Amino acid sequence: MPGEAMHKKGADGAQRAKRWLDATTRTRASWTNEDEIAGGRLEFNWPHAGQEPYSFDVGGFLYGKPFDNHSFMAEVKNYSGDSLGNDYDDFLAKCYLTWRENARWANQFMFLTWHPFRIKSWTQLRDPDAIAKGCIANRRRLFGIEDEVEAQAHIDTSLINELKDRLWVVVLSEKQEQLLISDQDRALIVSSRIEKGLM
């Protein structure tokens, strides 16, 4: 897929994921990385390998217990293919780094896709070993280290244990999107909360 088409598909996926998140009525606010002002809150830099930038696709604040006022950052993958597993490894490394360096900016991390991946290890996607694997796969830009064993020694296991319960993996579908609450009905819920001083 040409770069421009991939970008358009990615932007469409981010908007659809944002709409789905908002339709849960559990967001106070949300934005995508293409928003002129708020999008900057989703941008960071790797500490090594030229300090290349990385970003998440969607961010915002959640509403209601147990996540009230938690900020979230989401990676959205709107395509199928063998690379989704590698993309998930990259996501985990981003989450590890963001939680380590910018914990005030994000409390929850979400990976949203329309295509299941790593089916044989699906139930272990948020396990500490999976997070460590993602960090090792990105060891050069995360730790500035070539050797896998040496990189393993740099992983903060206490940080991983904090992070694992903050990870979400969500699989959407086009059919499911047709069941979303309407904007009109969602507006009634939000306006009711505003009247009650809850937002």
C-alpha atoms as a PDB file:
ATOM      1  CA  MET A   1       0.000   0.000   0.000  1.00  0.00           C
ATOM      2  CA  PRO A   2       1.480   3.422  -1.007  1.00  0.00           C
ATOM      3  CA  GLY A   3       2.514   5.718   1.843  1.00  0.00           C
ATOM      4  CA  GLU A   4      -0.244   8.283   1.243  1.00  0.00           C
ATOM      5  CA  ALA A   5      -2.936   5.598   1.176  1.00  0.00           C
ATOM      6  CA  MET A   6      -1.509   4.030   4.349  1.00  0.00           C
ATOM      7  CA  HIS A   7      -1.559   7.425   6.071  1.00  0.00           C
ATOM      8  CA  LYS A   8      -5.171   8.007   5.026  1.00  0.00           C
ATOM      9  CA  LYS A   9      -6.169   4.548   6.246  1.00  0.00           C
ATOM     10  CA  GLY A  10      -4.377   5.175   9.530  1.00  0.00           C
ATOM     11  CA  ALA A  11      -6.077   8.540  10.017  1.00  0.00           C
ATOM     12  CA  ASP A  12      -9.448   6.940   9.260  1.00  0.00           C
ATOM     13  CA  GLY A  13      -8.741   4.217  11.810  1.00  0.00           C
ATOM     14  CA  ALA A  14      -7.804   6.789  14.455  1.00  0.00           C
ATOM     15  CA  GLN A  15     -11.054   8.697  13.890  1.00  0.00           C
ATOM     16  CA  ARG A  16     -13.100   5.498  14.026  1.00  0.00           C
ATOM     17  CA  ALA A  17     -11.361   4.378  17.218  1.00  0.00           C
ATOM     18  CA  LYS A  18     -11.931   7.817  18.754  1.00  0.00           C
ATOM     19  CA  ARG A  19     -15.608   7.638  17.837  1.00  0.00           C
ATOM     20  CA  TRP A  20     -15.885   4.167  19.396  1.00  0.00           C
ATOM     21  CA  LEU A  21     -14.178   5.308  22.594  1.00  0.00           C
ATOM     22  CA  ASP A  22     -16.426   8.366  22.839  1.00  0.00           C
ATOM     23  CA  ALA A  23     -19.500   6.221  22.182  1.00  0.00           C
ATOM     24  CA  THR A  24     -18.744   4.167  25.291  1.00  0.00           C
ATOM     25  CA  THR A  25     -19.644   7.394  27.167  1.00  0.00           C
ATOM     26  CA  ARG A  26     -16.533   6.781  29.278  1.00  0.00           C
ATOM     27  CA  THR A  27     -14.378   9.608  27.904  1.00  0.00           C
ATOM     28  CA  ARG A  28     -14.313  13.156  29.222  1.00  0.00           C
ATOM     29  CA  ALA A  29     -12.340  14.329  26.212  1.00  0.00           C
ATOM     30  CA  SER A  30     -10.415  12.727  23.367  1.00  0.00           C
ATOM     31  CA  TRP A  31      -8.248  13.755  20.437  1.00  0.00           C
ATOM     32  CA  THR A  32      -6.103  12.279  17.680  1.00  0.00           C
ATOM     33  CA  ASN A  33      -2.473  12.923  16.803  1.00  0.00           C
ATOM     34  CA  GLU A  34      -3.675  15.054  13.901  1.00  0.00           C
ATOM     35  CA  ASP A  35      -5.322  17.610  16.184  1.00  0.00           C
ATOM     36  CA  GLU A  36      -3.387  20.855  15.835  1.00  0.00           C
ATOM     37  CA  ILE A  37      -3.015  21.576  19.556  1.00  0.00           C
ATOM     38  CA  ALA A  38      -3.837  18.461  21.572  1.00  0.00           C
ATOM     39  CA  GLY A  39      -2.024  16.149  19.155  1.00  0.00           C
ATOM     40  CA  GLY A  40       1.296  17.307  20.600  1.00  0.00           C
ATOM     41  CA  ARG A  41       0.421  15.571  23.866  1.00  0.00           C
ATOM     42  CA  LEU A  42       0.832  12.251  22.071  1.00  0.00           C
ATOM     43  CA  GLU A  43       4.359  12.885  20.755  1.00  0.00           C
ATOM     44  CA  PHE A  44       7.586  11.734  22.411  1.00  0.00           C
ATOM     45  CA  ASN A  45      11.145  10.738  21.496  1.00  0.00           C
ATOM     46  CA  TRP A  46      13.152   7.557  21.851  1.00  0.00           C
ATOM     47  CA  PRO A  47      16.177   8.177  24.111  1.00  0.00           C
ATOM     48  CA  HIS A  48      18.647   6.445  21.742  1.00  0.00           C
ATOM     49  CA  ALA A  49      19.156   5.692  18.027  1.00  0.00           C
ATOM     50  CA  GLY A  50      19.047   9.338  17.030  1.00  0.00           C
ATOM     51  CA  GLN A  51      16.186  10.173  19.396  1.00  0.00           C
ATOM     52  CA  GLU A  52      13.658   9.471  16.688  1.00  0.00           C
ATOM     53  CA  PRO A  53      10.120  10.662  17.456  1.00  0.00           C
ATOM     54  CA  TYR A  54       7.244   8.323  18.200  1.00  0.00           C
ATOM     55  CA  SER A  55       3.606   9.008  18.869  1.00  0.00           C
ATOM     56  CA  PHE A  56       0.317   7.425  19.815  1.00  0.00           C
ATOM     57  CA  ASP A  57      -2.766   7.810  17.606  1.00  0.00           C
ATOM     58  CA  VAL A  58      -5.500   8.755  20.078  1.00  0.00           C
ATOM     59  CA  GLY A  59      -5.460  10.197  23.579  1.00  0.00           C
ATOM     60  CA  GLY A  60      -7.790  11.654  26.133  1.00  0.00           C
ATOM     61  CA  PHE A  61      -9.280  11.421  29.606  1.00  0.00           C
ATOM     62  CA  LEU A  62     -11.599   8.725  30.896  1.00  0.00           C
ATOM     63  CA  TYR A  63     -14.822   9.238  32.854  1.00  0.00           C
ATOM     64  CA  GLY A  64     -16.250   7.199  35.718  1.00  0.00           C
ATOM     65  CA  LYS A  65     -14.851   4.769  38.247  1.00  0.00           C
ATOM     66  CA  PRO A  66     -12.450   3.026  38.391  1.00  0.00           C
ATOM     67  CA  PHE A  67     -10.679   5.146  35.745  1.00  0.00           C
ATOM     68  CA  ASP A  68     -12.140   8.607  36.362  1.00  0.00           C
ATOM     69  CA  ASN A  69      -9.780  11.320  35.087  1.00  0.00           C
ATOM     70  CA  HIS A  70      -7.186   8.749  34.025  1.00  0.00           C
ATOM     71  CA  SER A  71      -5.433   9.889  30.886  1.00  0.00           C
ATOM     72  CA  PHE A  72      -5.080   7.322  28.117  1.00  0.00           C
ATOM     73  CA  MET A  73      -2.999   6.878  24.998  1.00  0.00           C
ATOM     74  CA  ALA A  74      -3.999   4.512  22.234  1.00  0.00           C
ATOM     75  CA  GLU A  75      -2.287   2.920  19.255  1.00  0.00           C
ATOM     76  CA  VAL A  76      -4.686   2.138  16.397  1.00  0.00           C
ATOM     77  CA  LYS A  77      -3.989  -0.423  13.658  1.00  0.00           C
ATOM     78  CA  ASN A  78      -6.547  -0.364  10.871  1.00  0.00           C
ATOM     79  CA  TYR A  79      -5.121  -3.125   8.687  1.00  0.00           C
ATOM     80  CA  SER A  80      -4.446  -6.836   8.640  1.00  0.00           C
ATOM     81  CA  GLY A  81      -1.140  -8.528   8.055  1.00  0.00           C
ATOM     82  CA  ASP A  82       1.753 -10.408   9.558  1.00  0.00           C
ATOM     83  CA  SER A  83       3.334  -7.226  10.923  1.00  0.00           C
ATOM     84  CA  LEU A  84       0.666  -6.628  13.581  1.00  0.00           C
ATOM     85  CA  GLY A  85       2.635  -8.669  16.104  1.00  0.00           C
ATOM     86  CA  ASN A  86       5.727  -6.551  15.497  1.00  0.00           C
ATOM     87  CA  ASP A  87       3.606  -3.407  15.754  1.00  0.00           C
ATOM     88  CA  TYR A  88       2.359  -4.634  19.108  1.00  0.00           C
ATOM     89  CA  ASP A  89       5.960  -5.150  20.296  1.00  0.00           C
ATOM     90  CA  ASP A  90       6.693  -1.544  19.297  1.00  0.00           C
ATOM     91  CA  PHE A  91       3.569  -0.409  21.168  1.00  0.00           C
ATOM     92  CA  LEU A  92       4.700  -2.198  24.330  1.00  0.00           C
ATOM     93  CA  ALA A  93       8.132  -0.555  24.154  1.00  0.00           C
ATOM     94  CA  LYS A  94       6.478   2.846  23.686  1.00  0.00           C
ATOM     95  CA  CYS A  95       4.255   2.192  26.709  1.00  0.00           C
ATOM     96  CA  TYR A  96       7.244   1.119  28.817  1.00  0.00           C
ATOM     97  CA  LEU A  97       9.189   4.244  27.899  1.00  0.00           C
ATOM     98  CA  THR A  98       6.238   6.606  28.288  1.00  0.00           C
ATOM     99  CA  TRP A  99       5.348   5.136  31.685  1.00  0.00           C
ATOM    100  CA  ARG A 100       8.999   5.366  32.762  1.00  0.00           C
ATOM    101  CA  GLU A 101       9.620   8.923  31.583  1.00  0.00           C
ATOM    102  CA  ASN A 102       6.191  10.574  31.421  1.00  0.00           C
ATOM    103  CA  ALA A 103       3.911   8.777  33.875  1.00  0.00           C
ATOM    104  CA  ARG A 104       2.021  12.020  34.555  1.00  0.00           C
ATOM    105  CA  TRP A 105       0.874  12.070  30.939  1.00  0.00           C
ATOM    106  CA  ALA A 106      -0.638   8.604  30.701  1.00  0.00           C
ATOM    107  CA  ASN A 107      -2.356   6.221  33.106  1.00  0.00           C
ATOM    108  CA  GLN A 108      -3.795   3.721  30.607  1.00  0.00           C
ATOM    109  CA  PHE A 109      -2.460   2.396  27.289  1.00  0.00           C
ATOM    110  CA  MET A 110      -4.707   0.895  24.613  1.00  0.00           C
ATOM    111  CA  PHE A 111      -3.992  -1.104  21.465  1.00  0.00           C
ATOM    112  CA  LEU A 112      -7.038  -1.013  19.176  1.00  0.00           C
ATOM    113  CA  THR A 113      -7.258  -3.091  16.023  1.00  0.00           C
ATOM    114  CA  TRP A 114      -9.839  -4.598  13.691  1.00  0.00           C
ATOM    115  CA  HIS A 115      -7.774  -7.745  13.210  1.00  0.00           C
ATOM    116  CA  PRO A 116      -6.862 -10.309  15.906  1.00  0.00           C
ATOM    117  CA  PHE A 117      -3.193 -11.293  15.975  1.00  0.00           C
ATOM    118  CA  ARG A 118      -0.902 -13.747  17.784  1.00  0.00           C
ATOM    119  CA  ILE A 119      -3.880 -15.993  18.385  1.00  0.00           C
ATOM    120  CA  LYS A 120      -1.801 -18.756  19.991  1.00  0.00           C
ATOM    121  CA  SER A 121      -0.557 -16.356  22.658  1.00  0.00           C
ATOM    122  CA  TRP A 122      -3.625 -14.105  22.802  1.00  0.00           C
ATOM    123  CA  THR A 123      -4.198 -14.579  26.532  1.00  0.00           C
ATOM    124  CA  GLN A 124      -0.588 -13.661  27.303  1.00  0.00           C
ATOM    125  CA  LEU A 125      -0.412 -10.383  25.368  1.00  0.00           C
ATOM    126  CA  ARG A 126      -0.350  -8.296  28.559  1.00  0.00           C
ATOM    127  CA  ASP A 127       1.928 -10.583  30.556  1.00  0.00           C
ATOM    128  CA  PRO A 128       5.262  -9.274  31.887  1.00  0.00           C
ATOM    129  CA  ASP A 129       7.132 -11.597  29.501  1.00  0.00           C
ATOM    130  CA  ALA A 130       5.312 -10.051  26.520  1.00  0.00           C
ATOM    131  CA  ILE A 131       6.222  -6.540  27.662  1.00  0.00           C
ATOM    132  CA  ALA A 132       9.848  -7.552  28.163  1.00  0.00           C
ATOM    133  CA  LYS A 133       9.882  -9.105  24.679  1.00  0.00           C
ATOM    134  CA  GLY A 134       8.636  -5.826  23.197  1.00  0.00           C
ATOM    135  CA  CYS A 135      11.360  -3.920  25.016  1.00  0.00           C
ATOM    136  CA  ILE A 136      14.053  -6.339  23.833  1.00  0.00           C
ATOM    137  CA  ALA A 137      12.808  -6.044  20.240  1.00  0.00           C
ATOM    138  CA  ASN A 138      13.298  -2.264  20.536  1.00  0.00           C
ATOM    139  CA  ARG A 139      16.486  -2.412  22.629  1.00  0.00           C
ATOM    140  CA  ARG A 140      18.569  -0.189  20.341  1.00  0.00           C
ATOM    141  CA  ARG A 141      16.304   2.841  20.544  1.00  0.00           C
ATOM    142  CA  LEU A 142      15.049   2.111  24.070  1.00  0.00           C
ATOM    143  CA  PHE A 143      18.349   1.290  25.805  1.00  0.00           C
ATOM    144  CA  GLY A 144      20.994   2.017  23.172  1.00  0.00           C
ATOM    145  CA  ILE A 145      22.173  -1.599  23.450  1.00  0.00           C
ATOM    146  CA  GLU A 146      22.823  -4.175  20.733  1.00  0.00           C
ATOM    147  CA  ASP A 147      23.122  -7.305  22.866  1.00  0.00           C
ATOM    148  CA  GLU A 148      19.846  -8.974  23.888  1.00  0.00           C
ATOM    149  CA  VAL A 149      21.180 -10.372  27.169  1.00  0.00           C
ATOM    150  CA  GLU A 150      22.617  -7.009  28.180  1.00  0.00           C
ATOM    151  CA  ALA A 151      19.344  -5.303  27.269  1.00  0.00           C
ATOM    152  CA  GLN A 152      17.424  -7.804  29.386  1.00  0.00           C
ATOM    153  CA  ALA A 153      19.451  -6.684  32.402  1.00  0.00           C
ATOM    154  CA  HIS A 154      18.342  -3.078  31.837  1.00  0.00           C
ATOM    155  CA  ILE A 155      14.623  -3.875  32.002  1.00  0.00           C
ATOM    156  CA  ASP A 156      12.937  -2.609  35.157  1.00  0.00           C
ATOM    157  CA  THR A 157      10.696  -5.497  36.244  1.00  0.00           C
ATOM    158  CA  SER A 158       8.909  -3.406  38.866  1.00  0.00           C
ATOM    159  CA  LEU A 159       7.964  -0.927  36.151  1.00  0.00           C
ATOM    160  CA  ILE A 160       6.687  -3.775  33.971  1.00  0.00           C
ATOM    161  CA  ASN A 161       4.549  -5.053  36.838  1.00  0.00           C
ATOM    162  CA  GLU A 162       3.040  -1.586  37.202  1.00  0.00           C
ATOM    163  CA  LEU A 163       2.448  -1.342  33.460  1.00  0.00           C
ATOM    164  CA  LYS A 164       0.812  -4.715  32.816  1.00  0.00           C
ATOM    165  CA  ASP A 165      -2.444  -3.748  34.523  1.00  0.00           C
ATOM    166  CA  ARG A 166      -2.604  -0.518  32.522  1.00  0.00           C
ATOM    167  CA  LEU A 167      -2.606  -2.243  29.129  1.00  0.00           C
ATOM    168  CA  TRP A 168      -5.738  -2.797  27.049  1.00  0.00           C
ATOM    169  CA  VAL A 169      -6.083  -4.841  23.843  1.00  0.00           C
ATOM    170  CA  VAL A 170      -9.348  -4.113  22.026  1.00  0.00           C
ATOM    171  CA  VAL A 171     -10.555  -5.741  18.801  1.00  0.00           C
ATOM    172  CA  LEU A 172     -13.222  -3.778  16.938  1.00  0.00           C
ATOM    173  CA  SER A 173     -15.304  -4.722  13.901  1.00  0.00           C
ATOM    174  CA  GLU A 174     -17.281  -2.830  11.285  1.00  0.00           C
ATOM    175  CA  LYS A 175     -20.471  -4.603  12.365  1.00  0.00           C
ATOM    176  CA  GLN A 176     -19.843  -3.656  15.961  1.00  0.00           C
ATOM    177  CA  GLU A 177     -19.429  -0.017  14.953  1.00  0.00           C
ATOM    178  CA  GLN A 178     -22.983  -0.052  13.604  1.00  0.00           C
ATOM    179  CA  LEU A 179     -24.241  -0.660  17.160  1.00  0.00           C
ATOM    180  CA  LEU A 180     -22.649   2.479  18.592  1.00  0.00           C
ATOM    181  CA  ILE A 181     -24.814   4.895  20.514  1.00  0.00           C
ATOM    182  CA  SER A 182     -25.900   7.797  18.317  1.00  0.00           C
ATOM    183  CA  ASP A 183     -24.335  11.230  18.724  1.00  0.00           C
ATOM    184  CA  GLN A 184     -27.759  12.562  19.722  1.00  0.00           C
ATOM    185  CA  ASP A 185     -28.219  10.007  22.503  1.00  0.00           C
ATOM    186  CA  ARG A 186     -24.662  10.486  23.711  1.00  0.00           C
ATOM    187  CA  ALA A 187     -25.265  14.243  23.856  1.00  0.00           C
ATOM    188  CA  LEU A 188     -28.207  13.624  26.204  1.00  0.00           C
ATOM    189  CA  ILE A 189     -25.989  11.614  28.552  1.00  0.00           C
ATOM    190  CA  VAL A 190     -23.209  14.202  28.523  1.00  0.00           C
ATOM    191  CA  SER A 191     -25.604  17.126  29.031  1.00  0.00           C
ATOM    192  CA  SER A 192     -27.186  15.303  31.986  1.00  0.00           C
ATOM    193  CA  ARG A 193     -23.752  14.891  33.567  1.00  0.00           C
ATOM    194  CA  ILE A 194     -23.000  18.576  33.031  1.00  0.00           C
ATOM    195  CA  GLU A 195     -26.295  19.555  34.680  1.00  0.00           C
ATOM    196  CA  LYS A 196     -25.352  17.394  37.680  1.00  0.00           C
ATOM    197  CA  GLY A 197     -21.891  18.959  37.870  1.00  0.00           C
ATOM    198  CA  LEU A 198     -20.162  15.678  37.029  1.00  0.00           C
ATOM    199  CA  MET A 199     -18.197  17.024  34.054  1.00  0.00           C
END
